[in-house]
């Protein structure tokens, strides 16, 4: 009975639960709906924050205006204005290197020690050269063919024939020549008589002028000298008379002034006449002496020709006739032709032997020269075991190590001649150089010690870089060496600009440039920020900033960095938002 009762209780309880289940289901559904609505409310409220966490985070800078100093920045390698290459004159093994890169050296300092050539090789080369030299000189001792005596006899025969031909032709033309010379001699005698007479007259006139006696002189040559002399003599007599009267007046002490005036007047007339006569006399004598000299020379010439003609007539009487001279010419010509034929036969006979000897001699000579060159080269290499510097400078490069073999005329080291200075060459766009002038001082950005200075010394075209490029050559002073890299900043001048942005904000794109500007949009859930592309022109720039122009103004914010890659139109998250 108890078991029956328990069963009944269980069934009663199950029936009661079944009666209550619809109400529970409705309660459960209501609870779930409330939870869902609460969750949607939370998600809607925090949607803006969740979305912002997924957007790229950006850094921005505001656009400013003001002054900007434009600069060109580039790197260049320091080069020595003049360098000296240390070379070896033969292939030698380096035993020791005495220098280091950057070391200062002086003239005659030892740079390298190289090995010397072995004595055995030198002795063998000397022996080979001596033997080859002896063989060649022995071959030279052979008496060469000599035709000098034959040639001398032939030349002498030719000269004799030419002289005979000249005499023969002279004899043929002798009659006409003698007639012409005879006629000329006759003319010379007549002319000599005339010139001798003239010479005598001129000589007499000169002597008369000298002695002031004109009775024997030809009037043709003395002109008016006799008249001038008579005037002078008369004036002299009048002066003497007046002077005597003046002396008497002084003695008597009467009429002194009158007689003195008269004497002075006569003296003046006498002096004037004397000066006129002496001047004319000197001029005429000079004229006659000059003419006498010319006439005397002509007389001597004519006398010489007359004497020469007389001598030639005497010589002509003993000369050969034309017929005898013509026969002698033919005889000598035949003898000469025979001698030439005999000599040519001898030369042809000797020609083959000479060619064989010449070939053998050339071979011996080449062998001797080849062995001599080898011997002298080894001898020279045996002397020099040290390579020394020829100049003062600083070692900029060492191209060989110990135990390596030098190559003839290949540089072992390079020494910069510090006294000649250093330069740096930069290649830049030509359109950026409008404001650059010679003498500009560039700032050396990596000049940590502050003792390096770079001054622009030259601006020139650089064909290797293109027509739109220019080369800037800077003179560098201070603690530098060849091969150092200098980071130079060259000022181009200052200007005032409306829009200045950081250089990191400017993006190059196929020959143009743009910046990403932050644009704001308002929405029911708050402000949204977007990246907008704005094309700009670069006006000027320095190390950190760039002046631009375009659809941009002061106060705009440009993007300088982003946590993710950006594209125009992307939504972004401000770093401080």
Protein backbone atom coordinates (compact mmCIF):
# COMPACT_ATOMS: atom_id res chain seq x y z
CA UNK A 1 0.00 0.00 0.00
CA UNK A 2 2.84 2.33 0.70
CA UNK A 3 4.32 1.72 -2.70
CA UNK A 4 0.96 2.52 -4.29
CA UNK A 5 0.74 5.73 -2.39
CA UNK A 6 4.24 6.86 -3.56
CA UNK A 7 3.32 6.17 -7.11
CA UNK A 8 0.25 8.18 -6.82
CA UNK A 9 2.17 11.14 -5.34
CA UNK A 10 4.61 11.11 -8.20
CA UNK A 11 1.91 11.11 -10.80
CA UNK A 12 0.12 13.95 -9.03
CA UNK A 13 3.31 16.02 -9.02
CA UNK A 14 3.96 15.37 -12.73
CA UNK A 15 0.45 16.51 -13.57
CA UNK A 16 0.88 19.68 -11.67
CA UNK A 17 4.20 20.52 -13.56
CA UNK A 18 2.56 19.91 -16.88
CA UNK A 19 -0.17 22.35 -15.95
CA UNK A 20 2.41 25.10 -15.27
CA UNK A 21 4.87 24.77 -18.40
CA UNK A 22 3.13 27.28 -20.88
CA UNK A 23 3.54 30.12 -18.44
CA UNK A 24 7.20 29.30 -17.98
CA UNK A 25 7.80 29.26 -21.69
CA UNK A 26 6.31 32.72 -22.08
CA UNK A 27 8.45 34.00 -19.25
CA UNK A 28 11.57 32.57 -20.84
CA UNK A 29 10.81 34.21 -24.19
CA UNK A 30 10.22 37.54 -22.56
CA UNK A 31 13.55 37.28 -20.77
CA UNK A 32 15.39 36.50 -23.97
CA UNK A 33 13.81 39.47 -25.78
CA UNK A 34 14.88 41.81 -23.03
CA UNK A 35 18.46 40.51 -23.18
CA UNK A 36 18.58 40.92 -26.98
CA UNK A 37 17.26 44.50 -26.85
CA UNK A 38 19.79 45.38 -24.15
CA UNK A 39 22.61 43.88 -26.21
CA UNK A 40 21.55 45.86 -29.33
CA UNK A 41 21.45 49.05 -27.31
CA UNK A 42 24.99 48.43 -26.04
CA UNK A 43 26.29 47.62 -29.52
CA UNK A 44 24.68 50.74 -31.02
CA UNK A 45 26.12 52.92 -28.30
CA UNK A 46 29.71 51.65 -28.71
CA UNK A 47 29.68 51.22 -32.52
CA UNK A 48 31.60 54.50 -33.11
CA UNK A 49 34.37 53.52 -30.71
CA UNK A 50 34.69 50.02 -32.18
CA UNK A 51 34.87 51.35 -35.73
CA UNK A 52 37.50 53.96 -34.83
CA UNK A 53 39.75 51.25 -33.39
CA UNK A 54 39.79 49.55 -36.81
CA UNK A 55 40.65 52.75 -38.82
CA UNK A 56 44.25 53.78 -39.73
CA UNK A 57 45.72 56.09 -37.13
CA UNK A 58 47.37 59.19 -38.62
CA UNK A 59 49.74 61.94 -37.55
CA UNK A 60 49.09 65.45 -38.88
CA UNK A 61 50.69 68.86 -39.09
CA UNK A 62 48.90 72.10 -39.81
CA UNK A 63 49.74 74.16 -42.90
CA UNK A 64 51.65 77.34 -41.99
CA UNK A 65 52.88 80.42 -43.82
CA UNK A 66 56.03 82.44 -43.51
CA UNK A 67 59.70 82.45 -44.64
CA UNK A 68 61.57 79.43 -45.95
CA UNK A 69 65.24 79.15 -46.86
CA UNK A 70 65.53 76.84 -49.85
CA UNK A 71 68.44 74.43 -49.95
CA UNK A 72 69.94 71.74 -52.11
CA UNK A 73 71.22 68.74 -50.22
CA UNK A 74 73.44 66.13 -51.82
CA UNK A 75 76.34 63.88 -51.07
CA UNK A 76 79.72 63.84 -52.81
CA UNK A 77 83.04 62.09 -52.53
CA UNK A 78 86.20 63.99 -51.64
CA UNK A 79 88.78 63.87 -54.41
CA UNK A 80 92.34 65.16 -54.45
CA UNK A 81 93.08 67.88 -57.00
CA UNK A 82 96.27 66.06 -57.88
CA UNK A 83 97.42 62.56 -57.03
CA UNK A 84 100.61 60.65 -57.64
CA UNK A 85 100.49 56.97 -58.62
CA UNK A 86 103.33 54.85 -57.25
CA UNK A 87 104.35 52.32 -59.92
CA UNK A 88 106.87 49.51 -60.25
CA UNK A 89 108.95 49.27 -63.39
CA UNK A 90 109.13 45.46 -63.35
CA UNK A 91 107.31 42.39 -62.02
CA UNK A 92 108.59 41.99 -58.45
CA UNK A 93 107.31 40.31 -55.27
CA UNK A 94 106.41 42.68 -52.42
CA UNK A 95 108.30 41.77 -49.24
CA UNK A 96 107.06 44.58 -47.00
CA UNK A 97 104.51 47.42 -47.11
CA UNK A 98 105.76 50.42 -45.08
CA UNK A 99 102.65 52.64 -45.36
CA UNK A 100 99.00 52.68 -44.33
CA UNK A 101 96.01 54.36 -45.88
CA UNK A 102 95.72 57.93 -44.60
CA UNK A 103 99.39 58.08 -43.57
CA UNK A 104 101.37 61.24 -44.32
CA UNK A 105 104.55 60.58 -46.29
CA UNK A 106 107.44 62.75 -47.44
CA UNK A 107 109.62 62.73 -50.51
CA UNK A 108 112.12 59.79 -50.53
CA UNK A 109 110.23 57.90 -47.78
CA UNK A 110 110.36 54.11 -48.33
CA UNK A 111 106.90 52.87 -49.39
CA UNK A 112 107.54 49.24 -50.38
CA UNK A 113 110.37 46.72 -50.17
CA UNK A 114 110.48 44.32 -53.09
CA UNK A 115 112.70 41.32 -53.83
CA UNK A 116 115.79 41.53 -56.01
CA UNK A 117 116.60 39.36 -59.04
CA UNK A 118 118.78 36.28 -58.34
CA UNK A 119 122.50 36.57 -59.19
CA UNK A 120 122.52 33.31 -61.14
CA UNK A 121 119.90 34.55 -63.61
CA UNK A 122 121.80 37.84 -64.02
CA UNK A 123 125.12 36.06 -64.66
CA UNK A 124 123.56 33.71 -67.21
CA UNK A 125 121.91 36.62 -69.05
CA UNK A 126 125.21 38.52 -69.12
CA UNK A 127 127.04 35.48 -70.52
CA UNK A 128 124.44 35.00 -73.27
CA UNK A 129 124.61 38.67 -74.21
CA UNK A 130 128.45 38.70 -74.37
CA UNK A 131 128.48 35.66 -76.67
CA UNK A 132 125.82 37.12 -78.99
CA UNK A 133 127.67 40.44 -79.08
CA UNK A 134 130.96 38.68 -80.00
CA UNK A 135 129.27 36.75 -82.84
CA UNK A 136 127.73 39.93 -84.25
CA UNK A 137 130.92 42.00 -84.01
CA UNK A 138 132.95 39.16 -85.59
CA UNK A 139 130.56 39.15 -88.54
CA UNK A 140 130.99 42.93 -88.83
CA UNK A 141 134.77 42.52 -89.14
CA UNK A 142 134.38 41.14 -92.65
CA UNK A 143 135.75 43.68 -95.07
CA UNK A 144 132.80 45.25 -96.90
CA UNK A 145 132.74 45.72 -100.66
CA UNK A 146 134.32 49.03 -101.58
CA UNK A 147 133.91 50.70 -104.96
CA UNK A 148 135.05 54.10 -103.79
CA UNK A 149 138.25 54.08 -105.85
CA UNK A 150 136.38 53.08 -109.01
CA UNK A 151 133.74 55.74 -108.35
CA UNK A 152 136.43 58.33 -107.71
CA UNK A 153 138.11 57.55 -111.04
CA UNK A 154 134.75 57.70 -112.85
CA UNK A 155 133.88 61.04 -111.24
CA UNK A 156 137.34 62.41 -112.07
CA UNK A 157 136.91 61.31 -115.71
CA UNK A 158 133.51 62.99 -115.87
CA UNK A 159 134.94 66.20 -114.44
CA UNK A 160 137.77 66.11 -116.99
CA UNK A 161 135.30 65.58 -119.85
CA UNK A 162 133.10 68.44 -118.65
CA UNK A 163 136.13 70.73 -118.49
CA UNK A 164 137.17 69.73 -122.03
CA UNK A 165 133.63 70.32 -123.31
CA UNK A 166 133.66 73.78 -121.73
CA UNK A 167 137.01 74.55 -123.36
CA UNK A 168 135.80 73.20 -126.73
CA UNK A 169 132.67 75.33 -126.64
CA UNK A 170 134.68 78.31 -125.50
CA UNK A 171 137.08 77.85 -128.39
CA UNK A 172 134.16 77.64 -130.86
CA UNK A 173 132.73 80.90 -129.61
CA UNK A 174 136.13 82.46 -129.05
CA UNK A 175 136.27 84.50 -132.26
CA UNK A 176 133.00 86.32 -131.62
CA UNK A 177 133.92 86.88 -128.00
CA UNK A 178 137.34 88.25 -128.86
CA UNK A 179 135.83 90.70 -131.35
CA UNK A 180 133.33 91.92 -128.78
CA UNK A 181 136.01 92.23 -126.12
CA UNK A 182 138.28 94.14 -128.50
CA UNK A 183 135.50 96.62 -129.31
CA UNK A 184 134.72 97.00 -125.64
CA UNK A 185 138.38 97.60 -124.83
CA UNK A 186 138.51 100.37 -127.43
CA UNK A 187 135.49 101.99 -125.87
CA UNK A 188 137.02 101.62 -122.39
CA UNK A 189 140.23 103.37 -123.51
CA UNK A 190 138.31 106.35 -124.91
CA UNK A 191 136.23 106.61 -121.77
CA UNK A 192 139.33 106.24 -119.58
CA UNK A 193 140.96 109.21 -121.35
CA UNK A 194 137.88 111.37 -120.77
CA UNK A 195 137.54 110.33 -117.11
CA UNK A 196 141.28 110.86 -116.46
CA UNK A 197 141.08 114.39 -117.86
CA UNK A 198 138.06 115.14 -115.70
CA UNK A 199 139.85 113.69 -112.67
CA UNK A 200 142.80 116.03 -113.26
CA UNK A 201 140.54 119.09 -113.53
CA UNK A 202 138.67 118.19 -110.36
CA UNK A 203 141.88 117.58 -108.46
CA UNK A 204 143.31 120.97 -109.61
CA UNK A 205 140.09 122.75 -108.58
CA UNK A 206 140.21 121.19 -105.11
CA UNK A 207 143.86 122.22 -104.63
CA UNK A 208 143.09 125.83 -105.79
CA UNK A 209 140.18 126.09 -103.39
CA UNK A 210 142.41 124.91 -100.56
CA UNK A 211 145.11 127.50 -101.37
CA UNK A 212 142.64 130.33 -102.26
CA UNK A 213 144.36 130.67 -105.64
CA UNK A 214 141.92 130.34 -108.51
CA UNK A 215 144.06 131.25 -111.56
CA UNK A 216 144.56 127.62 -112.74
CA UNK A 217 141.11 126.33 -111.74
CA UNK A 218 138.45 125.64 -114.37
CA UNK A 219 135.59 128.15 -113.82
CA UNK A 220 133.13 125.31 -114.42
CA UNK A 221 134.10 123.75 -111.09
CA UNK A 222 134.77 126.74 -108.77
CA UNK A 223 131.64 128.79 -109.51
CA UNK A 224 131.57 132.27 -107.89
CA UNK A 225 134.23 131.52 -105.30
CA UNK A 226 136.73 133.98 -106.90
CA UNK A 227 134.18 136.79 -106.68
CA UNK A 228 133.34 135.99 -103.04
CA UNK A 229 137.05 135.86 -102.24
CA UNK A 230 137.65 139.26 -103.91
CA UNK A 231 134.76 140.79 -101.91
CA UNK A 232 136.19 139.32 -98.72
CA UNK A 233 139.74 140.56 -99.50
CA UNK A 234 138.50 144.10 -100.26
CA UNK A 235 136.46 144.19 -97.05
CA UNK A 236 139.53 143.03 -95.15
CA UNK A 237 141.66 145.89 -96.57
CA UNK A 238 138.98 148.48 -95.75
CA UNK A 239 138.72 147.15 -92.21
CA UNK A 240 142.48 147.34 -91.71
CA UNK A 241 142.50 150.97 -92.96
CA UNK A 242 139.62 151.97 -90.63
CA UNK A 243 141.28 150.18 -87.74
CA UNK A 244 144.58 152.01 -88.33
CA UNK A 245 142.71 155.36 -88.28
CA UNK A 246 141.03 154.35 -85.02
CA UNK A 247 144.43 153.53 -83.46
CA UNK A 248 145.80 156.92 -84.57
CA UNK A 249 142.72 158.71 -83.10
CA UNK A 250 143.32 156.96 -79.79
CA UNK A 251 146.90 158.12 -79.83
CA UNK A 252 145.92 161.72 -80.69
CA UNK A 253 142.83 161.51 -78.50
CA UNK A 254 140.70 163.07 -81.22
CA UNK A 255 137.70 161.74 -83.15
CA UNK A 256 137.90 158.49 -81.20
CA UNK A 257 134.21 157.67 -81.28
CA UNK A 258 133.79 158.42 -84.96
CA UNK A 259 136.81 156.34 -86.00
CA UNK A 260 135.75 153.50 -83.66
CA UNK A 261 132.24 153.38 -85.14
CA UNK A 262 133.74 153.37 -88.63
CA UNK A 263 136.12 150.55 -87.70
CA UNK A 264 133.29 148.47 -86.12
CA UNK A 265 131.14 148.92 -89.25
CA UNK A 266 134.01 147.83 -91.52
CA UNK A 267 134.65 144.86 -89.26
CA UNK A 268 131.02 143.77 -89.50
CA UNK A 269 131.16 143.98 -93.32
CA UNK A 270 134.47 142.08 -93.29
CA UNK A 271 133.06 139.30 -91.01
CA UNK A 272 129.92 138.93 -93.15
CA UNK A 273 131.96 138.63 -96.35
CA UNK A 274 134.34 136.19 -94.69
CA UNK A 275 131.47 133.95 -93.42
CA UNK A 276 129.84 133.92 -96.88
CA UNK A 277 133.14 133.00 -98.57
CA UNK A 278 134.09 130.27 -96.06
CA UNK A 279 130.63 128.72 -96.22
CA UNK A 280 130.60 128.66 -100.03
CA UNK A 281 134.20 127.39 -100.10
CA UNK A 282 133.42 124.52 -97.71
CA UNK A 283 130.30 123.51 -99.61
CA UNK A 284 132.05 123.60 -103.00
CA UNK A 285 135.05 121.67 -101.74
CA UNK A 286 132.82 118.97 -100.25
CA UNK A 287 130.90 118.75 -103.52
CA UNK A 288 134.09 118.49 -105.64
CA UNK A 289 135.66 115.89 -103.29
CA UNK A 290 132.55 113.70 -103.58
CA UNK A 291 132.55 113.99 -107.36
CA UNK A 292 136.31 113.40 -107.48
CA UNK A 293 135.85 110.17 -105.48
CA UNK A 294 133.24 108.87 -107.94
CA UNK A 295 135.38 109.82 -110.96
CA UNK A 296 138.46 108.19 -109.40
CA UNK A 297 136.55 104.93 -108.83
CA UNK A 298 135.32 104.92 -112.42
CA UNK A 299 138.85 105.57 -113.69
CA UNK A 300 140.21 102.69 -111.61
CA UNK A 301 137.49 100.35 -112.90
CA UNK A 302 138.20 101.24 -116.56
CA UNK A 303 141.95 100.84 -116.03
CA UNK A 304 141.39 97.40 -114.51
CA UNK A 305 139.26 96.23 -117.44
CA UNK A 306 141.84 97.47 -119.91
CA UNK A 307 144.64 95.61 -118.07
CA UNK A 308 142.52 92.45 -117.85
CA UNK A 309 141.86 92.54 -121.57
CA UNK A 310 145.60 92.86 -122.26
CA UNK A 311 146.31 89.81 -120.05
CA UNK A 312 143.56 87.73 -121.73
CA UNK A 313 144.99 88.42 -125.18
CA UNK A 314 148.36 87.11 -123.96
CA UNK A 315 146.80 83.93 -122.50
CA UNK A 316 144.60 83.27 -125.54
CA UNK A 317 147.68 82.99 -127.75
CA UNK A 318 148.70 79.69 -126.01
CA UNK A 319 145.29 77.91 -125.98
CA UNK A 320 144.29 74.73 -127.88
CA UNK A 321 142.23 74.87 -131.05
CA UNK A 322 138.60 73.82 -131.33
CA UNK A 323 139.47 70.72 -133.45
CA UNK A 324 142.03 69.36 -130.96
CA UNK A 325 139.69 69.87 -128.00
CA UNK A 326 136.77 68.11 -129.78
CA UNK A 327 138.97 65.03 -130.47
CA UNK A 328 140.05 64.90 -126.82
CA UNK A 329 136.40 64.96 -125.65
CA UNK A 330 135.48 61.92 -127.79
CA UNK A 331 138.52 59.96 -126.61
CA UNK A 332 137.78 60.61 -122.92
CA UNK A 333 134.08 59.70 -123.30
CA UNK A 334 134.91 56.30 -124.81
CA UNK A 335 137.31 55.49 -121.98
CA UNK A 336 134.68 56.49 -119.37
CA UNK A 337 131.99 54.26 -120.87
CA UNK A 338 134.32 51.25 -120.85
CA UNK A 339 135.17 51.78 -117.17
CA UNK A 340 131.46 52.07 -116.17
CA UNK A 341 130.63 48.76 -117.96
CA UNK A 342 133.42 46.94 -116.12
CA UNK A 343 132.29 48.32 -112.73
CA UNK A 344 128.66 47.23 -113.26
CA UNK A 345 129.78 43.67 -114.02
CA UNK A 346 131.76 43.58 -110.77
CA UNK A 347 128.79 44.88 -108.74
CA UNK A 348 126.41 42.25 -110.13
CA UNK A 349 128.86 39.52 -109.27
CA UNK A 350 129.14 40.75 -105.67
CA UNK A 351 125.39 41.39 -105.14
CA UNK A 352 124.32 37.80 -104.30
CA UNK A 353 127.13 37.36 -101.78
CA UNK A 354 126.23 40.67 -100.13
CA UNK A 355 122.57 39.70 -99.72
CA UNK A 356 123.51 36.40 -98.05
CA UNK A 357 125.88 38.16 -95.68
CA UNK A 358 123.26 40.83 -94.87
CA UNK A 359 120.64 38.22 -93.89
CA UNK A 360 123.08 36.45 -91.60
CA UNK A 361 124.21 39.75 -90.04
CA UNK A 362 120.61 40.90 -89.38
CA UNK A 363 119.86 37.62 -87.60
CA UNK A 364 122.95 37.97 -85.39
CA UNK A 365 122.05 41.60 -84.59
CA UNK A 366 118.48 40.76 -83.52
CA UNK A 367 119.71 37.92 -81.31
CA UNK A 368 122.25 40.25 -79.67
CA UNK A 369 119.66 43.03 -79.06
CA UNK A 370 117.17 40.56 -77.56
CA UNK A 371 119.75 39.18 -75.12
CA UNK A 372 121.02 42.68 -74.31
CA UNK A 373 117.50 43.85 -73.42
CA UNK A 374 117.01 40.83 -71.13
CA UNK A 375 120.38 41.38 -69.44
CA UNK A 376 119.85 45.16 -68.87
CA UNK A 377 116.37 44.57 -67.48
CA UNK A 378 117.64 41.99 -64.98
CA UNK A 379 120.57 44.26 -64.11
CA UNK A 380 118.25 47.19 -63.44
CA UNK A 381 115.91 45.05 -61.32
CA UNK A 382 118.87 43.79 -59.26
CA UNK A 383 119.70 47.33 -58.09
CA UNK A 384 116.34 48.58 -56.84
CA UNK A 385 114.89 46.77 -53.81
CA UNK A 386 113.05 49.78 -52.35
CA UNK A 387 110.30 51.87 -53.87
CA UNK A 388 110.32 55.44 -52.53
CA UNK A 389 107.91 58.37 -52.72
CA UNK A 390 108.67 61.13 -55.22
CA UNK A 391 106.52 63.76 -53.47
CA UNK A 392 105.09 64.83 -50.11
CA UNK A 393 101.47 63.81 -49.55
CA UNK A 394 98.91 61.52 -47.89
CA UNK A 395 98.34 57.88 -48.86
CA UNK A 396 94.80 57.55 -50.22
CA UNK A 397 94.95 53.98 -51.57
CA UNK A 398 97.15 50.87 -51.33
CA UNK A 399 96.53 48.39 -54.14
CA UNK A 400 98.90 45.55 -53.24
CA UNK A 401 99.75 43.31 -50.27
CA UNK A 402 102.79 41.45 -49.01
CA UNK A 403 103.82 38.44 -51.18
CA UNK A 404 101.80 39.73 -54.15
CA UNK A 405 103.59 40.33 -57.47
CA UNK A 406 103.70 43.81 -58.95
CA UNK A 407 102.63 44.43 -62.54
CA UNK A 408 104.79 46.74 -64.62
CA UNK A 409 103.39 50.31 -64.73
CA UNK A 410 100.39 49.28 -62.59
CA UNK A 411 99.82 51.61 -59.56
CA UNK A 412 100.82 50.05 -56.24
CA UNK A 413 99.49 53.01 -54.24
CA UNK A 414 98.01 56.46 -54.71
CA UNK A 415 99.36 59.48 -52.82
CA UNK A 416 97.32 62.67 -52.67
CA UNK A 417 99.37 65.84 -52.95
CA UNK A 418 97.82 67.71 -50.02
CA UNK A 419 99.39 71.00 -51.10
CA UNK A 420 97.18 70.97 -54.21
CA UNK A 421 93.94 70.77 -52.13
CA UNK A 422 90.71 68.71 -52.33
CA UNK A 423 87.39 69.06 -54.18
CA UNK A 424 83.87 67.58 -54.05
CA UNK A 425 81.68 67.29 -57.13
CA UNK A 426 77.87 67.31 -56.91
CA UNK A 427 75.45 66.77 -59.80
CA UNK A 428 72.13 68.62 -59.40
CA UNK A 429 69.19 69.76 -61.53
CA UNK A 430 70.07 72.81 -63.59
CA UNK A 431 66.76 74.56 -62.84
CA UNK A 432 67.65 74.71 -59.14
CA UNK A 433 70.80 76.76 -59.69
CA UNK A 434 69.31 80.15 -60.57
CA UNK A 435 70.13 81.48 -57.12
CA UNK A 436 73.49 79.72 -56.67
CA UNK A 437 76.65 81.77 -57.18
CA UNK A 438 80.35 81.03 -57.01
CA UNK A 439 81.76 81.61 -53.55
CA UNK A 440 78.69 80.20 -51.75
CA UNK A 441 79.60 78.30 -48.58
CA UNK A 442 77.83 74.96 -48.18
CA UNK A 443 76.97 73.56 -44.76
CA UNK A 444 78.68 70.22 -44.17
CA UNK A 445 75.98 68.20 -42.40
CA UNK A 446 78.31 65.37 -41.31
CA UNK A 447 81.08 67.76 -40.19
CA UNK A 448 81.07 66.60 -36.61
CA UNK A 449 84.38 68.21 -35.66
CA UNK A 450 83.44 71.53 -37.28
CA UNK A 451 86.75 71.99 -39.10
CA UNK A 452 85.67 71.19 -42.68
CA UNK A 453 84.60 73.97 -45.06
CA UNK A 454 83.25 73.63 -48.61
CA UNK A 455 83.20 76.69 -50.91
CA UNK A 456 81.58 76.62 -54.36
CA UNK A 457 84.38 77.33 -56.86
CA UNK A 458 82.89 76.30 -60.22
CA UNK A 459 79.55 75.62 -61.93
CA UNK A 460 79.76 73.74 -65.23
CA UNK A 461 77.79 71.50 -67.53
CA UNK A 462 77.93 67.75 -67.04
CA UNK A 463 77.37 65.98 -70.41
CA UNK A 464 77.56 62.56 -68.78
CA UNK A 465 74.59 63.38 -66.50
CA UNK A 466 72.34 64.91 -69.18
CA UNK A 467 71.42 68.32 -70.51
CA UNK A 468 69.24 69.14 -67.49
CA UNK A 469 72.05 68.58 -64.98
CA UNK A 470 74.90 70.76 -63.78
CA UNK A 471 78.02 69.98 -61.81
CA UNK A 472 78.92 71.98 -58.70
CA UNK A 473 82.62 71.87 -57.82
CA UNK A 474 83.44 72.72 -54.19
CA UNK A 475 86.90 73.52 -52.84
CA UNK A 476 87.25 71.62 -49.56
CA UNK A 477 89.56 72.55 -46.70
CA UNK A 478 89.99 70.97 -43.30
CA UNK A 479 90.54 67.47 -41.97
CA UNK A 480 89.47 65.37 -44.99
CA UNK A 481 90.93 62.60 -47.12
CA UNK A 482 90.27 61.24 -50.59
CA UNK A 483 87.28 58.93 -50.53
CA UNK A 484 85.48 60.68 -47.63
CA UNK A 485 81.77 61.27 -48.23
CA UNK A 486 80.47 64.76 -47.42
CA UNK A 487 76.78 65.54 -46.97
CA UNK A 488 76.45 69.14 -48.22
CA UNK A 489 73.56 71.54 -47.85
CA UNK A 490 73.70 74.52 -50.24
CA UNK A 491 71.54 77.59 -49.42
CA UNK A 492 69.61 79.01 -52.38
CA UNK A 493 68.03 82.03 -50.68
CA UNK A 494 64.92 82.83 -48.60
CA UNK A 495 61.36 83.60 -49.65
CA UNK A 496 57.90 84.16 -48.11
CA UNK A 497 55.23 81.53 -48.92
CA UNK A 498 51.50 81.14 -48.13
CA UNK A 499 51.59 77.37 -47.60
CA UNK A 500 54.42 75.52 -45.87
CA UNK A 501 54.11 71.82 -45.03
CA UNK A 502 56.50 69.15 -43.70
CA UNK A 503 58.55 67.43 -46.41
CA UNK A 504 57.21 64.06 -45.19
CA UNK A 505 53.68 65.14 -46.21
CA UNK A 506 54.59 65.69 -49.90
CA UNK A 507 54.25 62.56 -52.04
CA UNK A 508 55.83 62.45 -55.54
CA UNK A 509 53.67 60.90 -58.27
CA UNK A 510 54.76 60.61 -61.95
CA UNK A 511 56.41 63.98 -62.22
CA UNK A 512 53.94 65.82 -59.98
CA UNK A 513 53.34 65.92 -56.23
CA UNK A 514 50.36 65.75 -53.87
CA UNK A 515 49.51 65.91 -50.17
CA UNK A 516 46.74 64.14 -48.21
CA UNK A 517 44.59 66.74 -46.42
CA UNK A 518 42.29 65.74 -43.55
CA UNK A 519 38.63 66.62 -44.28
CA UNK A 520 35.90 66.43 -41.57
CA UNK A 521 32.24 65.31 -42.03
CA UNK A 522 29.52 65.46 -39.36
CA UNK A 523 27.17 62.39 -38.86
CA UNK A 524 24.44 61.49 -36.29
CA UNK A 525 26.99 59.27 -34.56
CA UNK A 526 29.70 61.97 -34.48
CA UNK A 527 32.47 63.50 -36.70
CA UNK A 528 34.16 61.42 -39.38
CA UNK A 529 37.63 62.18 -40.90
CA UNK A 530 38.72 61.39 -44.44
CA UNK A 531 41.99 61.67 -46.43
CA UNK A 532 41.60 63.91 -49.49
CA UNK A 533 44.28 64.10 -52.22
CA UNK A 534 45.33 67.66 -53.17
CA UNK A 535 47.76 68.17 -56.07
CA UNK A 536 50.44 70.78 -55.28
CA UNK A 537 53.45 72.42 -56.89
CA UNK A 538 56.71 72.45 -54.92
CA UNK A 539 57.94 76.04 -54.78
CA UNK A 540 60.90 75.63 -52.40
CA UNK A 541 62.15 73.35 -49.67
CA UNK A 542 64.72 73.03 -46.95
CA UNK A 543 65.79 70.13 -44.78
CA UNK A 544 62.39 69.61 -43.08
CA UNK A 545 59.77 71.78 -44.81
CA UNK A 546 58.41 72.39 -48.29
CA UNK A 547 56.62 75.46 -49.65
CA UNK A 548 53.72 74.41 -51.94
CA UNK A 549 50.95 76.00 -53.98
CA UNK A 550 47.56 74.54 -54.93
CA UNK A 551 44.15 74.00 -53.35
CA UNK A 552 45.55 74.23 -49.87
CA UNK A 553 45.65 77.03 -47.31
CA UNK A 554 46.95 77.94 -43.93
CA UNK A 555 45.21 76.00 -41.12
CA UNK A 556 44.59 72.81 -43.14
CA UNK A 557 45.91 69.60 -41.64
CA UNK A 558 48.15 67.41 -43.83
CA UNK A 559 48.94 63.78 -43.07
CA UNK A 560 52.60 63.14 -42.28
CA UNK A 561 52.37 59.48 -41.15
CA UNK A 562 49.84 56.65 -40.89
CA UNK A 563 49.67 53.29 -39.15
CA UNK A 564 48.43 51.65 -42.38
CA UNK A 565 48.78 52.38 -46.12
CA UNK A 566 46.39 55.17 -47.15
CA UNK A 567 44.54 56.00 -50.35
CA UNK A 568 42.62 59.17 -51.21
CA UNK A 569 39.08 58.94 -49.76
CA UNK A 570 39.97 56.53 -46.92
CA UNK A 571 38.42 57.22 -43.52
CA UNK A 572 41.08 57.79 -40.89
CA UNK A 573 41.42 58.18 -37.16
CA UNK A 574 43.18 61.21 -35.74
CA UNK A 575 45.94 60.30 -33.34
CA UNK A 576 44.56 62.57 -30.64
CA UNK A 577 40.90 61.57 -31.23
